[in-house]
Amino acid sequence: MPGRGDCYEKWLESLNDWADSGWSVVSADWRGQGLSGRLGSDATTGHIDDFATWLADYAGIWADFVAPQPGPHVAVGHSMGGNLVLRAVAEKRIAPAAVVLSAPMLGLHPTWAPNALLAPVAKAICAVRGRTARAWSGSERPELVKRARQHLLTHDAARYADEQWWYQERPGLVMGPASWGWIGAAIASIRALERRGVLEKVRAPVQILATRRDGLVSWPAIRSAAGRLPAGELVAYDEGCAHEILREADPVRAHALAEIEAFLDRVAPARG
């Protein structure tokens, strides 16, 4: 499942790779993203009042399209999608045989303030400016220009250009910044996973791929979460790897896919 502001089209290369490997693949855009319309007050701002809406949607997708297929079933999520997939597993909304998370949003970047402090700040701003108000004017982060945005996401110019091609072909896919309501909901969802005992009760094997150089999500939060998962393992990257690990340059991407394949061969070997 994709991240904030994403569309499934961005991930077709990886989806096709897994399909070619024998997996039956299901993906979808989150409500209010892709071509599903917007939940805010304009055509591009990403808004949600509560991640519970997306969790219910995801549980429905799983029940309707995934569970009826022959197992084993594997849940995969990137960034915000990683947060939601992990919450769905922790809250027993879905029961996969294994979980793979790419740069999951288990904390926001920069990490200078704890979520316990950020939550009331976001709530106060929502009260003053409105929940659907844009939190900034750009896309991923307020200070980014186009070139900086690419290097925040991937070092691979061709894969970044592929994303731009989809936006030209399907302008309705374009998304801008998040709303203040989204920020408040994201912090609440992150804090839900931070509560003691939540991740410790997850029994499914969970593989997390992450980079220490991530400029969008918190590396310390990911490292901490991996240590709390009873059957968790962390594949860490450094130089040459940005946020979108499965859209990175070939050496990083090939290594990530090989790590995922080895993990799934070990914990979920049969394929439907």
C-alpha atoms as a PDB file:
ATOM      1  CA  MET A   1       0.000   0.000   0.000  1.00  0.00           C
ATOM      2  CA  PRO A   2       1.351   3.433  -0.981  1.00  0.00           C
ATOM      3  CA  GLY A   3       2.370   6.411   1.108  1.00  0.00           C
ATOM      4  CA  ARG A   4       0.986   9.902   1.596  1.00  0.00           C
ATOM      5  CA  GLY A   5       0.416  11.695  -1.679  1.00  0.00           C
ATOM      6  CA  ASP A   6       1.244   8.534  -3.629  1.00  0.00           C
ATOM      7  CA  CYS A   7      -0.670   6.591  -6.250  1.00  0.00           C
ATOM      8  CA  TYR A   8      -0.385   2.895  -7.032  1.00  0.00           C
ATOM      9  CA  GLU A   9       0.944   3.744 -10.512  1.00  0.00           C
ATOM     10  CA  LYS A  10       4.256   4.796  -8.934  1.00  0.00           C
ATOM     11  CA  TRP A  11       4.769   1.267  -7.677  1.00  0.00           C
ATOM     12  CA  LEU A  12       3.880  -0.721 -10.802  1.00  0.00           C
ATOM     13  CA  GLU A  13       7.492  -1.777 -11.344  1.00  0.00           C
ATOM     14  CA  SER A  14       7.644  -3.513  -7.964  1.00  0.00           C
ATOM     15  CA  LEU A  15       4.114  -4.861  -8.247  1.00  0.00           C
ATOM     16  CA  ASN A  16       5.012  -6.400 -11.608  1.00  0.00           C
ATOM     17  CA  ASP A  17       8.237  -7.850 -10.186  1.00  0.00           C
ATOM     18  CA  TRP A  18       6.298  -9.636  -7.448  1.00  0.00           C
ATOM     19  CA  ALA A  19       3.640 -10.820  -9.892  1.00  0.00           C
ATOM     20  CA  ASP A  20       6.379 -12.219 -12.140  1.00  0.00           C
ATOM     21  CA  SER A  21       7.752 -14.055  -9.092  1.00  0.00           C
ATOM     22  CA  GLY A  22       4.471 -15.892  -8.659  1.00  0.00           C
ATOM     23  CA  TRP A  23       2.604 -13.683  -6.211  1.00  0.00           C
ATOM     24  CA  SER A  24      -0.993 -12.589  -6.741  1.00  0.00           C
ATOM     25  CA  VAL A  25      -0.810  -8.837  -6.129  1.00  0.00           C
ATOM     26  CA  VAL A  26      -3.474  -6.418  -4.912  1.00  0.00           C
ATOM     27  CA  SER A  27      -2.887  -2.684  -4.423  1.00  0.00           C
ATOM     28  CA  ALA A  28      -5.117   0.360  -4.085  1.00  0.00           C
ATOM     29  CA  ASP A  29      -5.024   4.095  -3.529  1.00  0.00           C
ATOM     30  CA  TRP A  30      -6.014   5.386  -0.133  1.00  0.00           C
ATOM     31  CA  ARG A  31      -9.330   7.207   0.014  1.00  0.00           C
ATOM     32  CA  GLY A  32      -8.653  10.835  -0.933  1.00  0.00           C
ATOM     33  CA  GLN A  33      -5.547   9.980  -2.985  1.00  0.00           C
ATOM     34  CA  GLY A  34      -4.901   8.882  -6.558  1.00  0.00           C
ATOM     35  CA  LEU A  35      -8.036   9.218  -8.670  1.00  0.00           C
ATOM     36  CA  SER A  36     -10.391   8.691  -5.720  1.00  0.00           C
ATOM     37  CA  GLY A  37     -11.053  12.402  -5.247  1.00  0.00           C
ATOM     38  CA  ARG A  38      -9.995  14.537  -2.306  1.00  0.00           C
ATOM     39  CA  LEU A  39     -11.322  14.780   1.243  1.00  0.00           C
ATOM     40  CA  GLY A  40     -10.254  18.376   1.829  1.00  0.00           C
ATOM     41  CA  SER A  41     -11.364  21.731   0.511  1.00  0.00           C
ATOM     42  CA  ASP A  42      -9.339  21.824  -2.736  1.00  0.00           C
ATOM     43  CA  ALA A  43      -8.133  19.558  -5.540  1.00  0.00           C
ATOM     44  CA  THR A  44      -4.632  18.775  -4.275  1.00  0.00           C
ATOM     45  CA  THR A  45      -4.351  19.023  -0.486  1.00  0.00           C
ATOM     46  CA  GLY A  46      -4.113  15.645   1.235  1.00  0.00           C
ATOM     47  CA  HIS A  47      -6.598  15.554   4.106  1.00  0.00           C
ATOM     48  CA  ILE A  48      -8.028  13.022   6.535  1.00  0.00           C
ATOM     49  CA  ASP A  49      -9.774  13.523   9.878  1.00  0.00           C
ATOM     50  CA  ASP A  50      -8.730  10.192  11.364  1.00  0.00           C
ATOM     51  CA  PHE A  51      -6.581   7.315  10.099  1.00  0.00           C
ATOM     52  CA  ALA A  52      -9.357   5.011  11.346  1.00  0.00           C
ATOM     53  CA  THR A  53     -11.127   5.734   8.045  1.00  0.00           C
ATOM     54  CA  TRP A  54      -8.206   4.293   6.102  1.00  0.00           C
ATOM     55  CA  LEU A  55      -7.831   1.368   8.492  1.00  0.00           C
ATOM     56  CA  ALA A  56     -11.455   0.394   7.899  1.00  0.00           C
ATOM     57  CA  ASP A  57     -10.982   0.748   4.135  1.00  0.00           C
ATOM     58  CA  TYR A  58      -7.859  -1.404   4.216  1.00  0.00           C
ATOM     59  CA  ALA A  59      -9.535  -4.103   6.283  1.00  0.00           C
ATOM     60  CA  GLY A  60     -12.323  -4.151   3.686  1.00  0.00           C
ATOM     61  CA  ILE A  61      -9.860  -4.449   0.801  1.00  0.00           C
ATOM     62  CA  TRP A  62      -8.102  -7.274   2.609  1.00  0.00           C
ATOM     63  CA  ALA A  63     -11.338  -9.145   3.307  1.00  0.00           C
ATOM     64  CA  ASP A  64     -12.714  -8.714  -0.222  1.00  0.00           C
ATOM     65  CA  PHE A  65      -9.646  -9.158  -2.414  1.00  0.00           C
ATOM     66  CA  VAL A  66      -6.822 -10.706  -0.390  1.00  0.00           C
ATOM     67  CA  ALA A  67      -8.277 -13.203   2.077  1.00  0.00           C
ATOM     68  CA  PRO A  68     -10.184 -15.194  -0.622  1.00  0.00           C
ATOM     69  CA  GLN A  69      -6.902 -15.857  -2.487  1.00  0.00           C
ATOM     70  CA  PRO A  70      -4.768 -18.907  -1.663  1.00  0.00           C
ATOM     71  CA  GLY A  71      -2.202 -18.151   1.035  1.00  0.00           C
ATOM     72  CA  PRO A  72       0.207 -17.275   2.338  1.00  0.00           C
ATOM     73  CA  HIS A  73      -0.879 -13.632   2.479  1.00  0.00           C
ATOM     74  CA  VAL A  74       1.708 -10.876   2.847  1.00  0.00           C
ATOM     75  CA  ALA A  75       0.950  -7.251   3.751  1.00  0.00           C
ATOM     76  CA  VAL A  76       3.269  -4.627   2.245  1.00  0.00           C
ATOM     77  CA  GLY A  77       3.245  -0.908   2.993  1.00  0.00           C
ATOM     78  CA  HIS A  78       5.399   2.126   2.212  1.00  0.00           C
ATOM     79  CA  SER A  79       5.753   5.211   4.433  1.00  0.00           C
ATOM     80  CA  MET A  80       2.236   6.229   5.562  1.00  0.00           C
ATOM     81  CA  GLY A  81       1.057   2.933   4.115  1.00  0.00           C
ATOM     82  CA  GLY A  82       3.559   1.202   6.390  1.00  0.00           C
ATOM     83  CA  ASN A  83       2.067   2.918   9.422  1.00  0.00           C
ATOM     84  CA  LEU A  84      -1.418   1.824   8.413  1.00  0.00           C
ATOM     85  CA  VAL A  85      -0.436  -1.752   7.555  1.00  0.00           C
ATOM     86  CA  LEU A  86       1.353  -2.172  10.884  1.00  0.00           C
ATOM     87  CA  ARG A  87      -1.603  -0.703  12.772  1.00  0.00           C
ATOM     88  CA  ALA A  88      -3.992  -3.019  10.936  1.00  0.00           C
ATOM     89  CA  VAL A  89      -1.889  -5.999  11.995  1.00  0.00           C
ATOM     90  CA  ALA A  90      -1.422  -4.776  15.581  1.00  0.00           C
ATOM     91  CA  GLU A  91      -5.162  -4.146  15.936  1.00  0.00           C
ATOM     92  CA  LYS A  92      -5.961  -7.556  14.416  1.00  0.00           C
ATOM     93  CA  ARG A  93      -7.908  -6.058  11.523  1.00  0.00           C
ATOM     94  CA  ILE A  94      -5.912  -8.294   9.165  1.00  0.00           C
ATOM     95  CA  ALA A  95      -3.929 -11.483   9.798  1.00  0.00           C
ATOM     96  CA  PRO A  96      -1.119 -11.831   7.238  1.00  0.00           C
ATOM     97  CA  ALA A  97       1.505 -14.545   7.340  1.00  0.00           C
ATOM     98  CA  ALA A  98       4.194 -11.874   7.012  1.00  0.00           C
ATOM     99  CA  VAL A  99       4.614  -8.104   6.758  1.00  0.00           C
ATOM    100  CA  VAL A 100       7.076  -6.036   4.706  1.00  0.00           C
ATOM    101  CA  LEU A 101       7.421  -2.320   5.434  1.00  0.00           C
ATOM    102  CA  SER A 102       9.433   0.145   3.358  1.00  0.00           C
ATOM    103  CA  ALA A 103      10.435   3.338   5.205  1.00  0.00           C
ATOM    104  CA  PRO A 104       7.338   3.145   7.431  1.00  0.00           C
ATOM    105  CA  MET A 105       6.020   6.361   8.959  1.00  0.00           C
ATOM    106  CA  LEU A 106       6.575   5.449  12.605  1.00  0.00           C
ATOM    107  CA  GLY A 107       7.776   8.947  13.403  1.00  0.00           C
ATOM    108  CA  LEU A 108       8.057  12.219  11.502  1.00  0.00           C
ATOM    109  CA  HIS A 109      11.222  13.956  10.334  1.00  0.00           C
ATOM    110  CA  PRO A 110      12.743  16.162  11.651  1.00  0.00           C
ATOM    111  CA  THR A 111      12.653  14.519  15.066  1.00  0.00           C
ATOM    112  CA  TRP A 112      13.468  17.513  17.273  1.00  0.00           C
ATOM    113  CA  ALA A 113      10.141  17.407  19.147  1.00  0.00           C
ATOM    114  CA  PRO A 114       8.361  14.415  20.734  1.00  0.00           C
ATOM    115  CA  ASN A 115       4.924  13.463  19.441  1.00  0.00           C
ATOM    116  CA  ALA A 116       3.449  14.164  22.876  1.00  0.00           C
ATOM    117  CA  LEU A 117       4.367  17.828  22.294  1.00  0.00           C
ATOM    118  CA  LEU A 118       3.483  17.946  18.593  1.00  0.00           C
ATOM    119  CA  ALA A 119      -0.035  16.562  19.129  1.00  0.00           C
ATOM    120  CA  PRO A 120      -1.436  19.556  21.095  1.00  0.00           C
ATOM    121  CA  VAL A 121       0.362  21.979  18.772  1.00  0.00           C
ATOM    122  CA  ALA A 122      -1.329  20.420  15.729  1.00  0.00           C
ATOM    123  CA  LYS A 123      -4.674  20.454  17.537  1.00  0.00           C
ATOM    124  CA  ALA A 124      -4.313  24.153  18.343  1.00  0.00           C
ATOM    125  CA  ILE A 125      -3.387  25.052  14.763  1.00  0.00           C
ATOM    126  CA  CYS A 126      -6.373  23.055  13.467  1.00  0.00           C
ATOM    127  CA  ALA A 127      -8.621  25.060  15.773  1.00  0.00           C
ATOM    128  CA  VAL A 128      -7.235  28.364  14.492  1.00  0.00           C
ATOM    129  CA  ARG A 129      -6.702  27.681  10.778  1.00  0.00           C
ATOM    130  CA  GLY A 130      -9.135  24.821  10.163  1.00  0.00           C
ATOM    131  CA  ARG A 131      -8.465  21.120   9.743  1.00  0.00           C
ATOM    132  CA  THR A 132      -8.467  21.239   5.932  1.00  0.00           C
ATOM    133  CA  ALA A 133      -6.008  24.155   5.700  1.00  0.00           C
ATOM    134  CA  ARG A 134      -2.710  23.431   3.953  1.00  0.00           C
ATOM    135  CA  ALA A 135       0.123  22.866   6.386  1.00  0.00           C
ATOM    136  CA  TRP A 136       2.640  24.201   3.844  1.00  0.00           C
ATOM    137  CA  SER A 137       2.752  25.216   0.194  1.00  0.00           C
ATOM    138  CA  GLY A 138       4.898  22.530  -1.414  1.00  0.00           C
ATOM    139  CA  SER A 139       4.588  18.764  -1.684  1.00  0.00           C
ATOM    140  CA  GLU A 140       6.562  16.588   0.762  1.00  0.00           C
ATOM    141  CA  ARG A 141       8.223  19.354   2.779  1.00  0.00           C
ATOM    142  CA  PRO A 142       7.761  23.130   2.802  1.00  0.00           C
ATOM    143  CA  GLU A 143      11.299  24.132   1.822  1.00  0.00           C
ATOM    144  CA  LEU A 144      11.713  21.810  -1.158  1.00  0.00           C
ATOM    145  CA  VAL A 145      12.374  22.800  -4.739  1.00  0.00           C
ATOM    146  CA  LYS A 146      11.951  20.262  -7.530  1.00  0.00           C
ATOM    147  CA  ARG A 147      15.551  19.035  -7.590  1.00  0.00           C
ATOM    148  CA  ALA A 148      15.665  18.723  -3.812  1.00  0.00           C
ATOM    149  CA  ARG A 149      12.396  16.763  -3.886  1.00  0.00           C
ATOM    150  CA  GLN A 150      13.900  14.141  -6.187  1.00  0.00           C
ATOM    151  CA  HIS A 151      16.876  13.558  -3.914  1.00  0.00           C
ATOM    152  CA  LEU A 152      14.592  13.335  -0.901  1.00  0.00           C
ATOM    153  CA  LEU A 153      12.799  10.435  -2.620  1.00  0.00           C
ATOM    154  CA  THR A 154      15.275   8.640  -4.911  1.00  0.00           C
ATOM    155  CA  HIS A 155      18.685   8.960  -6.533  1.00  0.00           C
ATOM    156  CA  ASP A 156      17.309   7.384  -9.719  1.00  0.00           C
ATOM    157  CA  ALA A 157      16.426  10.094 -12.242  1.00  0.00           C
ATOM    158  CA  ALA A 158      14.548   7.710 -14.550  1.00  0.00           C
ATOM    159  CA  ARG A 159      12.260   6.430 -11.796  1.00  0.00           C
ATOM    160  CA  TYR A 160      11.609   9.965 -10.617  1.00  0.00           C
ATOM    161  CA  ALA A 161      10.778  10.936 -14.218  1.00  0.00           C
ATOM    162  CA  ASP A 162       8.354   8.000 -14.362  1.00  0.00           C
ATOM    163  CA  GLU A 163       6.390   9.536 -11.495  1.00  0.00           C
ATOM    164  CA  GLN A 164       6.237  12.872 -13.344  1.00  0.00           C
ATOM    165  CA  TRP A 165       5.089  11.064 -16.508  1.00  0.00           C
ATOM    166  CA  TRP A 166       2.103   9.627 -14.659  1.00  0.00           C
ATOM    167  CA  TYR A 167       1.191  13.066 -13.383  1.00  0.00           C
ATOM    168  CA  GLN A 168       1.213  14.414 -16.942  1.00  0.00           C
ATOM    169  CA  GLU A 169      -0.834  11.488 -18.250  1.00  0.00           C
ATOM    170  CA  ARG A 170      -3.313  11.551 -15.357  1.00  0.00           C
ATOM    171  CA  PRO A 171      -3.371  15.058 -13.834  1.00  0.00           C
ATOM    172  CA  GLY A 172      -5.910  13.936 -11.250  1.00  0.00           C
ATOM    173  CA  LEU A 173      -3.151  11.974  -9.522  1.00  0.00           C
ATOM    174  CA  VAL A 174      -1.276  15.120  -8.511  1.00  0.00           C
ATOM    175  CA  MET A 175      -1.263  15.863  -4.804  1.00  0.00           C
ATOM    176  CA  GLY A 176       0.267  18.730  -2.902  1.00  0.00           C
ATOM    177  CA  PRO A 177       0.882  19.217   0.803  1.00  0.00           C
ATOM    178  CA  ALA A 178      -0.923  17.657   3.715  1.00  0.00           C
ATOM    179  CA  SER A 179      -3.581  19.460   5.711  1.00  0.00           C
ATOM    180  CA  TRP A 180      -3.223  20.305   9.376  1.00  0.00           C
ATOM    181  CA  GLY A 181      -5.925  17.723   9.984  1.00  0.00           C
ATOM    182  CA  TRP A 182      -3.745  15.096   8.310  1.00  0.00           C
ATOM    183  CA  ILE A 183      -0.800  16.085  10.505  1.00  0.00           C
ATOM    184  CA  GLY A 184      -2.895  15.746  13.645  1.00  0.00           C
ATOM    185  CA  ALA A 185      -4.241  12.378  12.482  1.00  0.00           C
ATOM    186  CA  ALA A 186      -0.755  11.158  11.516  1.00  0.00           C
ATOM    187  CA  ILE A 187       0.674  12.040  14.918  1.00  0.00           C
ATOM    188  CA  ALA A 188      -2.235  10.253  16.608  1.00  0.00           C
ATOM    189  CA  SER A 189      -1.627   7.143  14.479  1.00  0.00           C
ATOM    190  CA  ILE A 190       2.090   7.186  15.264  1.00  0.00           C
ATOM    191  CA  ARG A 191       1.343   7.511  18.979  1.00  0.00           C
ATOM    192  CA  ALA A 192      -1.067   4.566  18.764  1.00  0.00           C
ATOM    193  CA  LEU A 193       1.867   2.363  17.756  1.00  0.00           C
ATOM    194  CA  GLU A 194       4.154   3.903  20.381  1.00  0.00           C
ATOM    195  CA  ARG A 195       1.960   2.709  23.252  1.00  0.00           C
ATOM    196  CA  ARG A 196       3.629   0.058  25.352  1.00  0.00           C
ATOM    197  CA  GLY A 197       2.447  -3.437  24.542  1.00  0.00           C
ATOM    198  CA  VAL A 198       1.066  -2.682  21.061  1.00  0.00           C
ATOM    199  CA  LEU A 199       3.980  -3.794  18.882  1.00  0.00           C
ATOM    200  CA  GLU A 200       5.116  -6.302  21.481  1.00  0.00           C
ATOM    201  CA  LYS A 201       1.964  -8.338  20.798  1.00  0.00           C
ATOM    202  CA  VAL A 202       2.466  -8.570  17.023  1.00  0.00           C
ATOM    203  CA  ARG A 203       3.232 -12.200  16.224  1.00  0.00           C
ATOM    204  CA  ALA A 204       3.589 -12.004  12.443  1.00  0.00           C
ATOM    205  CA  PRO A 205       7.155 -11.803  11.079  1.00  0.00           C
ATOM    206  CA  VAL A 206       7.832  -8.179  10.106  1.00  0.00           C
ATOM    207  CA  GLN A 207      10.664  -7.042   7.847  1.00  0.00           C
ATOM    208  CA  ILE A 208      11.409  -3.310   7.851  1.00  0.00           C
ATOM    209  CA  LEU A 209      13.579  -1.710   5.170  1.00  0.00           C
ATOM    210  CA  ALA A 210      14.747   1.786   6.072  1.00  0.00           C
ATOM    211  CA  THR A 211      17.511   4.301   5.499  1.00  0.00           C
ATOM    212  CA  ARG A 212      19.402   6.282   8.100  1.00  0.00           C
ATOM    213  CA  ARG A 213      19.369   9.161   5.599  1.00  0.00           C
ATOM    214  CA  ASP A 214      15.573   9.409   5.382  1.00  0.00           C
ATOM    215  CA  GLY A 215      14.403  13.019   5.219  1.00  0.00           C
ATOM    216  CA  LEU A 216      10.681  12.303   5.625  1.00  0.00           C
ATOM    217  CA  VAL A 217      10.258   9.714   8.357  1.00  0.00           C
ATOM    218  CA  SER A 218      12.157   9.127  11.584  1.00  0.00           C
ATOM    219  CA  TRP A 219      15.003   6.626  11.466  1.00  0.00           C
ATOM    220  CA  PRO A 220      15.259   6.466  15.303  1.00  0.00           C
ATOM    221  CA  ALA A 221      11.533   5.659  15.520  1.00  0.00           C
ATOM    222  CA  ILE A 222      11.887   2.881  12.938  1.00  0.00           C
ATOM    223  CA  ARG A 223      14.902   1.403  14.723  1.00  0.00           C
ATOM    224  CA  SER A 224      13.035   1.478  18.033  1.00  0.00           C
ATOM    225  CA  ALA A 225       9.920  -0.161  16.565  1.00  0.00           C
ATOM    226  CA  ALA A 226      11.953  -2.939  14.947  1.00  0.00           C
ATOM    227  CA  GLY A 227      13.397  -3.789  18.339  1.00  0.00           C
ATOM    228  CA  ARG A 228       9.947  -4.003  19.921  1.00  0.00           C
ATOM    229  CA  LEU A 229       8.543  -6.468  17.387  1.00  0.00           C
ATOM    230  CA  PRO A 230       8.936 -10.077  18.610  1.00  0.00           C
ATOM    231  CA  ALA A 231       9.605 -11.341  15.068  1.00  0.00           C
ATOM    232  CA  GLY A 232      10.919  -8.116  13.592  1.00  0.00           C
ATOM    233  CA  GLU A 233      14.009  -7.630  11.459  1.00  0.00           C
ATOM    234  CA  LEU A 234      15.547  -4.432  10.149  1.00  0.00           C
ATOM    235  CA  VAL A 235      17.367  -4.010   6.830  1.00  0.00           C
ATOM    236  CA  ALA A 236      19.210  -0.692   7.068  1.00  0.00           C
ATOM    237  CA  TYR A 237      20.632   1.485   4.306  1.00  0.00           C
ATOM    238  CA  ASP A 238      22.798   4.574   4.442  1.00  0.00           C
ATOM    239  CA  GLU A 239      24.507   6.633   1.740  1.00  0.00           C
ATOM    240  CA  GLY A 240      22.908   6.375  -1.688  1.00  0.00           C
ATOM    241  CA  CYS A 241      19.476   5.476  -0.365  1.00  0.00           C
ATOM    242  CA  ALA A 242      16.614   7.930   0.046  1.00  0.00           C
ATOM    243  CA  HIS A 243      13.011   7.486   1.213  1.00  0.00           C
ATOM    244  CA  GLU A 244      11.623   5.431  -1.686  1.00  0.00           C
ATOM    245  CA  ILE A 245      13.808   2.345  -1.330  1.00  0.00           C
ATOM    246  CA  LEU A 246      11.903   0.313  -3.935  1.00  0.00           C
ATOM    247  CA  ARG A 247      12.250   3.201  -6.414  1.00  0.00           C
ATOM    248  CA  GLU A 248      15.934   3.757  -5.725  1.00  0.00           C
ATOM    249  CA  ALA A 249      18.855   3.266  -8.103  1.00  0.00           C
ATOM    250  CA  ASP A 250      19.305  -0.325  -9.273  1.00  0.00           C
ATOM    251  CA  PRO A 251      21.978  -1.467  -6.766  1.00  0.00           C
ATOM    252  CA  VAL A 252      19.901  -0.432  -3.738  1.00  0.00           C
ATOM    253  CA  ARG A 253      16.605  -1.575  -5.224  1.00  0.00           C
ATOM    254  CA  ALA A 254      17.993  -4.965  -6.292  1.00  0.00           C
ATOM    255  CA  HIS A 255      19.418  -5.523  -2.826  1.00  0.00           C
ATOM    256  CA  ALA A 256      16.089  -4.592  -1.209  1.00  0.00           C
ATOM    257  CA  LEU A 257      14.131  -6.943  -3.471  1.00  0.00           C
ATOM    258  CA  ALA A 258      16.591  -9.760  -2.736  1.00  0.00           C
ATOM    259  CA  GLU A 259      16.219  -9.161   1.010  1.00  0.00           C
ATOM    260  CA  ILE A 260      12.426  -9.245   0.701  1.00  0.00           C
ATOM    261  CA  GLU A 261      12.531 -12.425  -1.383  1.00  0.00           C
ATOM    262  CA  ALA A 262      14.826 -14.162   1.112  1.00  0.00           C
ATOM    263  CA  PHE A 263      12.612 -13.081   4.007  1.00  0.00           C
ATOM    264  CA  LEU A 264       9.439 -14.337   2.343  1.00  0.00           C
ATOM    265  CA  ASP A 265      11.077 -17.591   1.251  1.00  0.00           C
ATOM    266  CA  ARG A 266      11.906 -18.133   4.897  1.00  0.00           C
ATOM    267  CA  VAL A 267       8.630 -17.132   6.600  1.00  0.00           C
ATOM    268  CA  ALA A 268       5.991 -17.512   3.845  1.00  0.00           C
ATOM    269  CA  PRO A 269       7.414 -19.933   1.266  1.00  0.00           C
ATOM    270  CA  ALA A 270       4.289 -21.146  -0.580  1.00  0.00           C
ATOM    271  CA  ARG A 271       2.837 -18.907  -3.283  1.00  0.00           C
ATOM    272  CA  GLY A 272      -0.702 -18.851  -4.677  1.00  0.00           C
END
